[in-house]
Amino acid sequence: MSMTRNDLAAAIFKCAYLRGEFKLRSGQTSNEYFDKYRFESDPELLREIARKMTPLVPDRTQVFAGLEMGGIPIATAIAMESGIDLCFVRKKAKEYGTMNLAEGADVAGKRVCVVEDVVTTGGQIIESVRALRKLGAEITDVLCVIDREQGAHDKLQDEKLWLHPLFLMSELKGAI
């Protein structure tokens, strides 16, 4: 069953929006939070998110890079929907086995689209993109499910990255 964009926004909000006091990865404190794992672990919502995000995929994308940990299920679902290869990007290279930062599809010389779940300031994206570029990835685009509208767009543009959110936080709040 396919949902309208507004129905999906309302479903994500209902499923994942929490109020309280939360420390964000950026170090900021927020009185609202989107528990992304609630919508990423729901097969129906994850499928609908992938269906709605696939049209946002930039032309010529050869590999998706799902960022640890929340970007991985989103990237996997979009890869299944689109047929595009993907890799899984660690926050730091593992210290055993292959010792890779990125597991899965090779990124060297490829047009890579980074995938994240919820974006606040873009700090982890910037760190990961810098590391992937050192591995030879060509990266200009980032997809995310939710842009919290707290500065990521501008910070990513400073790094020559274009953010393509499925939803802005204000859209989710307006959908209920």
N, C-alpha and C. Protein backbone atom coordinates (compact mmCIF):
# COMPACT_ATOMS: atom_id res chain seq x y z
N MET A 1 0.84 -1.17 0.00
CA MET A 1 0.00 0.00 0.00
C MET A 1 0.89 1.25 0.00
N SER A 2 0.66 2.13 -0.94
CA SER A 2 1.46 3.34 -1.06
C SER A 2 0.79 4.50 -0.32
N MET A 3 1.57 5.22 0.45
CA MET A 3 1.07 6.37 1.21
C MET A 3 1.30 7.65 0.44
N THR A 4 0.46 8.64 0.69
CA THR A 4 0.75 9.97 0.16
C THR A 4 1.92 10.53 0.96
N ARG A 5 2.54 11.56 0.43
CA ARG A 5 3.66 12.20 1.12
C ARG A 5 3.21 12.72 2.50
N ASN A 6 2.03 13.35 2.55
CA ASN A 6 1.52 13.87 3.81
C ASN A 6 1.20 12.75 4.80
N ASP A 7 0.64 11.65 4.31
CA ASP A 7 0.36 10.51 5.18
C ASP A 7 1.65 9.94 5.77
N LEU A 8 2.70 9.88 4.93
CA LEU A 8 3.99 9.38 5.41
C LEU A 8 4.57 10.33 6.46
N ALA A 9 4.49 11.62 6.22
CA ALA A 9 4.98 12.59 7.20
C ALA A 9 4.26 12.42 8.53
N ALA A 10 2.95 12.28 8.47
CA ALA A 10 2.16 12.11 9.70
C ALA A 10 2.52 10.80 10.40
N ALA A 11 2.74 9.75 9.64
CA ALA A 11 3.09 8.45 10.23
C ALA A 11 4.46 8.50 10.89
N ILE A 12 5.42 9.15 10.25
CA ILE A 12 6.76 9.29 10.84
C ILE A 12 6.66 10.10 12.12
N PHE A 13 5.94 11.21 12.08
CA PHE A 13 5.80 12.06 13.25
C PHE A 13 5.17 11.28 14.41
N LYS A 14 4.08 10.61 14.12
CA LYS A 14 3.37 9.86 15.16
C LYS A 14 4.24 8.75 15.75
N CYS A 15 5.02 8.11 14.92
CA CYS A 15 5.84 6.98 15.34
C CYS A 15 7.09 7.41 16.10
N ALA A 16 7.71 8.52 15.69
CA ALA A 16 9.07 8.80 16.15
C ALA A 16 9.27 10.09 16.94
N TYR A 17 8.28 10.96 16.98
CA TYR A 17 8.46 12.25 17.65
C TYR A 17 8.34 12.09 19.16
N LEU A 18 9.34 12.58 19.88
CA LEU A 18 9.35 12.50 21.33
C LEU A 18 9.61 13.89 21.92
N ARG A 19 9.04 14.15 23.08
CA ARG A 19 9.30 15.40 23.81
C ARG A 19 9.98 15.03 25.12
N GLY A 20 10.88 15.88 25.56
CA GLY A 20 11.64 15.65 26.78
C GLY A 20 12.91 16.47 26.71
N GLU A 21 13.97 15.98 27.32
CA GLU A 21 15.27 16.64 27.21
C GLU A 21 16.25 15.65 26.61
N PHE A 22 16.82 16.02 25.46
CA PHE A 22 17.67 15.11 24.71
C PHE A 22 18.97 15.80 24.32
N LYS A 23 20.07 15.10 24.49
CA LYS A 23 21.36 15.59 24.02
C LYS A 23 21.56 15.05 22.61
N LEU A 24 21.84 15.94 21.67
CA LEU A 24 22.04 15.56 20.28
C LEU A 24 23.51 15.29 20.02
N ARG A 25 23.82 14.61 18.91
CA ARG A 25 25.20 14.32 18.55
C ARG A 25 26.02 15.59 18.48
N SER A 26 25.41 16.66 18.04
CA SER A 26 26.08 17.95 17.90
C SER A 26 26.49 18.54 19.25
N GLY A 27 25.98 17.95 20.35
CA GLY A 27 26.24 18.49 21.68
C GLY A 27 25.12 19.40 22.15
N GLN A 28 24.26 19.79 21.23
CA GLN A 28 23.13 20.64 21.58
C GLN A 28 22.12 19.85 22.41
N THR A 29 21.34 20.57 23.19
CA THR A 29 20.24 19.97 23.93
C THR A 29 18.95 20.41 23.26
N SER A 30 18.03 19.47 23.12
CA SER A 30 16.76 19.76 22.47
C SER A 30 15.61 19.23 23.32
N ASN A 31 14.46 19.91 23.25
CA ASN A 31 13.29 19.42 23.97
C ASN A 31 12.41 18.56 23.06
N GLU A 32 12.86 18.34 21.84
CA GLU A 32 12.15 17.44 20.94
C GLU A 32 13.17 16.59 20.19
N TYR A 33 12.74 15.39 19.82
CA TYR A 33 13.66 14.42 19.26
C TYR A 33 12.89 13.51 18.31
N PHE A 34 13.54 13.12 17.22
CA PHE A 34 12.97 12.11 16.34
C PHE A 34 13.77 10.83 16.56
N ASP A 35 13.14 9.84 17.15
CA ASP A 35 13.79 8.55 17.36
C ASP A 35 13.71 7.77 16.05
N LYS A 36 14.73 7.99 15.25
CA LYS A 36 14.78 7.43 13.91
C LYS A 36 14.66 5.91 13.89
N TYR A 37 15.13 5.26 14.93
CA TYR A 37 15.07 3.80 14.95
C TYR A 37 13.64 3.30 14.98
N ARG A 38 12.73 4.12 15.44
CA ARG A 38 11.32 3.72 15.44
C ARG A 38 10.77 3.63 14.02
N PHE A 39 11.14 4.57 13.14
CA PHE A 39 10.63 4.45 11.77
C PHE A 39 11.53 3.56 10.91
N GLU A 40 12.81 3.45 11.25
CA GLU A 40 13.70 2.59 10.48
C GLU A 40 13.45 1.11 10.73
N SER A 41 12.89 0.79 11.89
CA SER A 41 12.63 -0.60 12.23
C SER A 41 11.22 -1.05 11.86
N ASP A 42 10.44 -0.16 11.29
CA ASP A 42 9.08 -0.48 10.85
C ASP A 42 9.12 -0.76 9.35
N PRO A 43 8.97 -2.02 8.93
CA PRO A 43 9.13 -2.36 7.51
C PRO A 43 8.24 -1.54 6.57
N GLU A 44 7.01 -1.28 6.96
CA GLU A 44 6.10 -0.52 6.09
C GLU A 44 6.58 0.92 5.94
N LEU A 45 6.94 1.56 7.05
CA LEU A 45 7.42 2.94 6.97
C LEU A 45 8.75 3.02 6.22
N LEU A 46 9.65 2.09 6.48
CA LEU A 46 10.94 2.09 5.80
C LEU A 46 10.76 1.92 4.29
N ARG A 47 9.87 1.04 3.88
CA ARG A 47 9.58 0.83 2.46
C ARG A 47 9.03 2.12 1.84
N GLU A 48 8.11 2.77 2.52
CA GLU A 48 7.53 4.02 1.99
C GLU A 48 8.57 5.14 1.93
N ILE A 49 9.42 5.20 2.94
CA ILE A 49 10.49 6.20 2.92
C ILE A 49 11.38 5.97 1.71
N ALA A 50 11.77 4.73 1.46
CA ALA A 50 12.62 4.42 0.30
C ALA A 50 11.92 4.77 -1.01
N ARG A 51 10.64 4.48 -1.10
CA ARG A 51 9.89 4.82 -2.33
C ARG A 51 9.86 6.32 -2.56
N LYS A 52 9.70 7.08 -1.49
CA LYS A 52 9.62 8.55 -1.63
C LYS A 52 11.01 9.17 -1.81
N MET A 53 12.06 8.53 -1.32
CA MET A 53 13.40 9.09 -1.45
C MET A 53 14.05 8.75 -2.79
N THR A 54 13.65 7.65 -3.40
CA THR A 54 14.28 7.23 -4.66
C THR A 54 14.24 8.32 -5.73
N PRO A 55 13.15 9.05 -5.89
CA PRO A 55 13.16 10.14 -6.89
C PRO A 55 14.13 11.28 -6.55
N LEU A 56 14.58 11.36 -5.31
CA LEU A 56 15.54 12.40 -4.91
C LEU A 56 16.98 12.03 -5.27
N VAL A 57 17.21 10.78 -5.66
CA VAL A 57 18.57 10.31 -5.94
C VAL A 57 19.11 11.07 -7.16
N PRO A 58 20.26 11.71 -7.00
CA PRO A 58 20.84 12.44 -8.13
C PRO A 58 21.20 11.51 -9.29
N ASP A 59 21.04 12.03 -10.51
CA ASP A 59 21.44 11.28 -11.69
C ASP A 59 22.91 10.91 -11.59
N ARG A 60 23.27 9.82 -12.16
CA ARG A 60 24.64 9.33 -12.24
C ARG A 60 25.17 8.79 -10.91
N THR A 61 24.32 8.67 -9.89
CA THR A 61 24.77 8.06 -8.64
C THR A 61 25.13 6.61 -8.92
N GLN A 62 26.32 6.22 -8.47
CA GLN A 62 26.79 4.85 -8.68
C GLN A 62 26.80 4.03 -7.40
N VAL A 63 26.93 4.71 -6.26
CA VAL A 63 27.00 4.02 -4.97
C VAL A 63 26.33 4.90 -3.91
N PHE A 64 25.55 4.27 -3.05
CA PHE A 64 25.05 4.94 -1.86
C PHE A 64 26.02 4.65 -0.73
N ALA A 65 26.24 5.64 0.13
CA ALA A 65 27.07 5.46 1.32
C ALA A 65 26.18 5.68 2.53
N GLY A 66 25.76 4.61 3.16
CA GLY A 66 24.93 4.69 4.37
C GLY A 66 25.82 4.90 5.57
N LEU A 67 25.58 6.00 6.31
CA LEU A 67 26.41 6.33 7.46
C LEU A 67 25.95 5.57 8.70
N GLU A 68 26.95 5.08 9.44
CA GLU A 68 26.69 4.36 10.68
C GLU A 68 25.93 5.26 11.65
N MET A 69 24.93 4.88 12.25
CA MET A 69 24.25 3.61 12.14
C MET A 69 22.91 3.84 11.45
N GLY A 70 22.32 5.00 11.67
CA GLY A 70 20.98 5.25 11.16
C GLY A 70 20.87 5.36 9.66
N GLY A 71 21.95 5.77 8.98
CA GLY A 71 21.89 5.88 7.52
C GLY A 71 21.92 4.54 6.82
N ILE A 72 22.38 3.50 7.52
CA ILE A 72 22.52 2.19 6.88
C ILE A 72 21.18 1.58 6.47
N PRO A 73 20.17 1.50 7.35
CA PRO A 73 18.91 0.91 6.89
C PRO A 73 18.23 1.75 5.80
N ILE A 74 18.37 3.08 5.87
CA ILE A 74 17.77 3.94 4.85
C ILE A 74 18.45 3.70 3.51
N ALA A 75 19.79 3.70 3.50
CA ALA A 75 20.55 3.46 2.27
C ALA A 75 20.24 2.09 1.69
N THR A 76 20.13 1.09 2.55
CA THR A 76 19.82 -0.27 2.09
C THR A 76 18.45 -0.32 1.43
N ALA A 77 17.47 0.30 2.05
CA ALA A 77 16.12 0.30 1.48
C ALA A 77 16.08 1.04 0.14
N ILE A 78 16.78 2.18 0.04
CA ILE A 78 16.81 2.92 -1.23
C ILE A 78 17.55 2.11 -2.29
N ALA A 79 18.62 1.42 -1.90
CA ALA A 79 19.35 0.58 -2.85
C ALA A 79 18.46 -0.54 -3.37
N MET A 80 17.67 -1.13 -2.50
CA MET A 80 16.76 -2.18 -2.94
C MET A 80 15.71 -1.64 -3.89
N GLU A 81 15.26 -0.43 -3.64
CA GLU A 81 14.23 0.20 -4.49
C GLU A 81 14.81 0.63 -5.84
N SER A 82 16.05 1.12 -5.84
CA SER A 82 16.65 1.70 -7.04
C SER A 82 17.57 0.76 -7.81
N GLY A 83 18.10 -0.26 -7.13
CA GLY A 83 19.05 -1.16 -7.78
C GLY A 83 20.48 -0.63 -7.80
N ILE A 84 20.76 0.43 -7.06
CA ILE A 84 22.10 1.02 -7.01
C ILE A 84 22.88 0.39 -5.87
N ASP A 85 24.17 0.13 -6.12
CA ASP A 85 25.05 -0.47 -5.11
C ASP A 85 25.17 0.42 -3.89
N LEU A 86 25.65 -0.17 -2.78
CA LEU A 86 25.85 0.63 -1.59
C LEU A 86 27.01 0.14 -0.77
N CYS A 87 27.47 1.03 0.09
CA CYS A 87 28.48 0.68 1.08
C CYS A 87 28.01 1.19 2.44
N PHE A 88 28.60 0.62 3.46
CA PHE A 88 28.27 0.98 4.83
C PHE A 88 29.49 1.69 5.42
N VAL A 89 29.28 2.90 5.92
CA VAL A 89 30.40 3.73 6.36
C VAL A 89 30.45 3.78 7.88
N ARG A 90 31.58 3.37 8.42
CA ARG A 90 31.80 3.40 9.86
C ARG A 90 32.21 4.81 10.30
N LYS A 91 32.05 5.10 11.58
CA LYS A 91 32.52 6.38 12.10
C LYS A 91 34.04 6.41 12.14
N LYS A 92 34.64 5.24 12.29
CA LYS A 92 36.09 5.11 12.16
C LYS A 92 36.39 3.71 11.65
N ALA A 93 37.50 3.59 10.93
CA ALA A 93 37.87 2.29 10.37
C ALA A 93 38.01 1.27 11.48
N LYS A 94 37.56 0.05 11.20
CA LYS A 94 37.69 -0.98 12.24
C LYS A 94 39.16 -1.35 12.38
N GLU A 95 39.50 -1.86 13.53
CA GLU A 95 40.90 -2.12 13.85
C GLU A 95 41.27 -3.59 13.68
N TYR A 96 40.46 -4.35 12.97
CA TYR A 96 40.73 -5.77 12.75
C TYR A 96 40.21 -6.15 11.37
N GLY A 97 40.47 -7.36 10.95
CA GLY A 97 39.99 -7.84 9.66
C GLY A 97 40.47 -6.97 8.52
N THR A 98 39.54 -6.46 7.73
CA THR A 98 39.89 -5.64 6.56
C THR A 98 40.33 -4.24 6.93
N MET A 99 40.01 -3.81 8.16
CA MET A 99 40.36 -2.47 8.65
C MET A 99 39.78 -1.36 7.76
N ASN A 100 38.64 -1.62 7.16
CA ASN A 100 38.01 -0.66 6.25
C ASN A 100 37.14 0.35 6.98
N LEU A 101 37.08 1.54 6.43
CA LEU A 101 36.13 2.56 6.87
C LEU A 101 34.78 2.30 6.20
N ALA A 102 34.84 1.95 4.91
CA ALA A 102 33.64 1.69 4.12
C ALA A 102 33.61 0.22 3.70
N GLU A 103 32.52 -0.44 4.02
CA GLU A 103 32.34 -1.86 3.70
C GLU A 103 31.30 -2.00 2.60
N GLY A 104 31.53 -2.94 1.70
CA GLY A 104 30.58 -3.17 0.61
C GLY A 104 31.14 -2.68 -0.70
N ALA A 105 30.32 -1.99 -1.48
CA ALA A 105 30.75 -1.53 -2.80
C ALA A 105 31.95 -0.58 -2.69
N ASP A 106 32.86 -0.68 -3.65
CA ASP A 106 34.03 0.18 -3.71
C ASP A 106 33.59 1.60 -4.09
N VAL A 107 34.19 2.60 -3.46
CA VAL A 107 33.82 3.99 -3.73
C VAL A 107 34.85 4.73 -4.58
N ALA A 108 36.03 4.16 -4.75
CA ALA A 108 37.10 4.84 -5.48
C ALA A 108 36.68 5.14 -6.92
N GLY A 109 36.74 6.44 -7.28
CA GLY A 109 36.39 6.86 -8.63
C GLY A 109 34.91 6.82 -8.95
N LYS A 110 34.08 6.61 -7.95
CA LYS A 110 32.62 6.49 -8.17
C LYS A 110 31.90 7.74 -7.68
N ARG A 111 30.75 8.02 -8.30
CA ARG A 111 29.85 9.10 -7.85
C ARG A 111 29.02 8.53 -6.71
N VAL A 112 29.31 9.00 -5.51
CA VAL A 112 28.71 8.47 -4.29
C VAL A 112 27.71 9.48 -3.73
N CYS A 113 26.57 8.98 -3.34
CA CYS A 113 25.55 9.79 -2.67
C CYS A 113 25.46 9.30 -1.23
N VAL A 114 25.73 10.19 -0.30
CA VAL A 114 25.70 9.87 1.12
C VAL A 114 24.25 9.85 1.60
N VAL A 115 23.93 8.90 2.47
CA VAL A 115 22.57 8.76 3.00
C VAL A 115 22.64 8.78 4.53
N GLU A 116 21.82 9.65 5.10
CA GLU A 116 21.72 9.78 6.55
C GLU A 116 20.24 9.79 6.93
N ASP A 117 19.94 9.60 8.19
CA ASP A 117 18.56 9.58 8.64
C ASP A 117 18.11 10.97 9.05
N VAL A 118 18.57 11.46 10.19
CA VAL A 118 18.19 12.76 10.70
C VAL A 118 19.43 13.64 10.74
N VAL A 119 19.32 14.86 10.22
CA VAL A 119 20.47 15.77 10.14
C VAL A 119 20.18 17.02 10.97
N THR A 120 21.13 17.37 11.82
CA THR A 120 21.00 18.58 12.64
C THR A 120 21.99 19.64 12.15
N THR A 121 23.28 19.41 12.41
CA THR A 121 24.30 20.37 11.98
C THR A 121 25.12 19.86 10.80
N GLY A 122 25.08 18.56 10.56
CA GLY A 122 25.84 17.97 9.45
C GLY A 122 27.26 17.58 9.82
N GLY A 123 27.62 17.68 11.09
CA GLY A 123 28.99 17.39 11.51
C GLY A 123 29.48 16.01 11.14
N GLN A 124 28.71 14.97 11.42
CA GLN A 124 29.14 13.61 11.10
C GLN A 124 29.20 13.40 9.59
N ILE A 125 28.29 14.01 8.87
CA ILE A 125 28.32 13.89 7.41
C ILE A 125 29.62 14.47 6.87
N ILE A 126 30.00 15.65 7.34
CA ILE A 126 31.22 16.29 6.86
C ILE A 126 32.44 15.42 7.16
N GLU A 127 32.52 14.89 8.38
CA GLU A 127 33.65 14.01 8.73
C GLU A 127 33.69 12.78 7.82
N SER A 128 32.54 12.16 7.60
CA SER A 128 32.48 10.96 6.77
C SER A 128 32.80 11.27 5.31
N VAL A 129 32.29 12.37 4.80
CA VAL A 129 32.56 12.74 3.41
C VAL A 129 34.05 12.99 3.21
N ARG A 130 34.67 13.69 4.12
CA ARG A 130 36.12 13.93 4.00
C ARG A 130 36.89 12.61 3.94
N ALA A 131 36.51 11.66 4.79
CA ALA A 131 37.18 10.35 4.79
C ALA A 131 36.91 9.59 3.49
N LEU A 132 35.67 9.63 3.01
CA LEU A 132 35.33 8.94 1.76
C LEU A 132 36.03 9.58 0.56
N ARG A 133 36.15 10.89 0.56
CA ARG A 133 36.88 11.57 -0.52
C ARG A 133 38.35 11.15 -0.54
N LYS A 134 38.93 10.92 0.63
CA LYS A 134 40.32 10.43 0.69
C LYS A 134 40.43 9.05 0.07
N LEU A 135 39.34 8.30 0.07
CA LEU A 135 39.31 6.97 -0.56
C LEU A 135 39.01 7.05 -2.05
N GLY A 136 38.84 8.28 -2.57
CA GLY A 136 38.62 8.46 -4.00
C GLY A 136 37.17 8.65 -4.42
N ALA A 137 36.25 8.75 -3.46
CA ALA A 137 34.83 8.95 -3.80
C ALA A 137 34.60 10.36 -4.30
N GLU A 138 33.73 10.47 -5.28
CA GLU A 138 33.27 11.77 -5.78
C GLU A 138 31.91 12.02 -5.14
N ILE A 139 31.84 13.02 -4.26
CA ILE A 139 30.61 13.24 -3.49
C ILE A 139 30.19 14.69 -3.58
N THR A 140 28.94 14.90 -4.00
CA THR A 140 28.36 16.25 -4.01
C THR A 140 26.98 16.28 -3.37
N ASP A 141 26.40 15.10 -3.12
CA ASP A 141 25.00 15.06 -2.68
C ASP A 141 24.82 14.19 -1.44
N VAL A 142 23.89 14.66 -0.60
CA VAL A 142 23.52 13.95 0.63
C VAL A 142 22.00 13.86 0.68
N LEU A 143 21.49 12.66 0.90
CA LEU A 143 20.05 12.45 1.12
C LEU A 143 19.83 12.23 2.60
N CYS A 144 18.71 12.74 3.10
CA CYS A 144 18.34 12.44 4.48
C CYS A 144 16.82 12.35 4.57
N VAL A 145 16.35 11.69 5.61
CA VAL A 145 14.91 11.59 5.82
C VAL A 145 14.40 12.89 6.43
N ILE A 146 15.10 13.39 7.47
CA ILE A 146 14.64 14.59 8.18
C ILE A 146 15.79 15.58 8.34
N ASP A 147 15.55 16.80 7.90
CA ASP A 147 16.45 17.92 8.18
C ASP A 147 15.83 18.70 9.33
N ARG A 148 16.52 18.73 10.46
CA ARG A 148 15.99 19.42 11.64
C ARG A 148 16.02 20.94 11.48
N GLU A 149 16.55 21.43 10.37
CA GLU A 149 16.59 22.86 10.06
C GLU A 149 17.38 23.64 11.13
N GLN A 150 18.55 23.10 11.47
CA GLN A 150 19.39 23.74 12.48
C GLN A 150 20.80 23.99 11.97
N GLY A 151 20.93 24.34 10.69
CA GLY A 151 22.22 24.77 10.17
C GLY A 151 22.95 23.82 9.25
N ALA A 152 22.49 22.59 9.12
CA ALA A 152 23.21 21.63 8.30
C ALA A 152 23.29 22.06 6.84
N HIS A 153 22.22 22.59 6.31
CA HIS A 153 22.18 22.98 4.90
C HIS A 153 23.35 23.88 4.55
N ASP A 154 23.55 24.95 5.32
CA ASP A 154 24.62 25.91 5.04
C ASP A 154 26.00 25.31 5.28
N LYS A 155 26.16 24.55 6.36
CA LYS A 155 27.46 23.94 6.66
C LYS A 155 27.85 22.94 5.57
N LEU A 156 26.89 22.20 5.07
CA LEU A 156 27.19 21.24 4.01
C LEU A 156 27.53 21.97 2.71
N GLN A 157 26.83 23.05 2.42
CA GLN A 157 27.17 23.82 1.22
C GLN A 157 28.59 24.35 1.27
N ASP A 158 29.07 24.72 2.47
CA ASP A 158 30.46 25.17 2.62
C ASP A 158 31.44 24.08 2.19
N GLU A 159 31.01 22.82 2.27
CA GLU A 159 31.84 21.67 1.88
C GLU A 159 31.50 21.21 0.46
N LYS A 160 30.75 22.04 -0.27
CA LYS A 160 30.31 21.71 -1.64
C LYS A 160 29.45 20.44 -1.67
N LEU A 161 28.54 20.37 -0.69
CA LEU A 161 27.60 19.28 -0.58
C LEU A 161 26.18 19.84 -0.61
N TRP A 162 25.30 19.17 -1.33
CA TRP A 162 23.91 19.60 -1.47
C TRP A 162 23.03 18.61 -0.72
N LEU A 163 22.27 19.14 0.23
CA LEU A 163 21.40 18.33 1.06
C LEU A 163 20.03 18.21 0.41
N HIS A 164 19.56 16.96 0.29
CA HIS A 164 18.24 16.66 -0.28
C HIS A 164 17.41 15.94 0.77
N PRO A 165 16.68 16.69 1.61
CA PRO A 165 15.87 16.03 2.64
C PRO A 165 14.53 15.57 2.08
N LEU A 166 14.06 14.44 2.58
CA LEU A 166 12.71 14.01 2.26
C LEU A 166 11.73 14.94 2.96
N PHE A 167 12.02 15.26 4.22
CA PHE A 167 11.16 16.16 4.99
C PHE A 167 11.99 17.14 5.79
N LEU A 168 11.47 18.34 5.91
CA LEU A 168 11.99 19.31 6.88
C LEU A 168 11.23 19.07 8.17
N MET A 169 11.85 19.38 9.29
CA MET A 169 11.19 19.22 10.58
C MET A 169 9.85 19.97 10.59
N SER A 170 9.82 21.16 10.04
CA SER A 170 8.60 21.95 10.02
C SER A 170 7.49 21.26 9.22
N GLU A 171 7.86 20.52 8.18
CA GLU A 171 6.85 19.79 7.40
C GLU A 171 6.23 18.66 8.24
N LEU A 172 7.07 17.96 8.99
CA LEU A 172 6.55 16.88 9.82
C LEU A 172 5.59 17.41 10.88
N LYS A 173 6.00 18.52 11.49
CA LYS A 173 5.12 19.11 12.51
C LYS A 173 3.80 19.59 11.91
N GLY A 174 3.84 20.03 10.67
CA GLY A 174 2.64 20.51 10.01
C GLY A 174 1.75 19.41 9.47
N ALA A 175 2.23 18.20 9.45
CA ALA A 175 1.48 17.08 8.87
C ALA A 175 0.46 16.46 9.82
N ILE A 176 0.57 16.81 11.10
CA ILE A 176 -0.33 16.16 12.06
C ILE A 176 -1.59 16.97 12.27
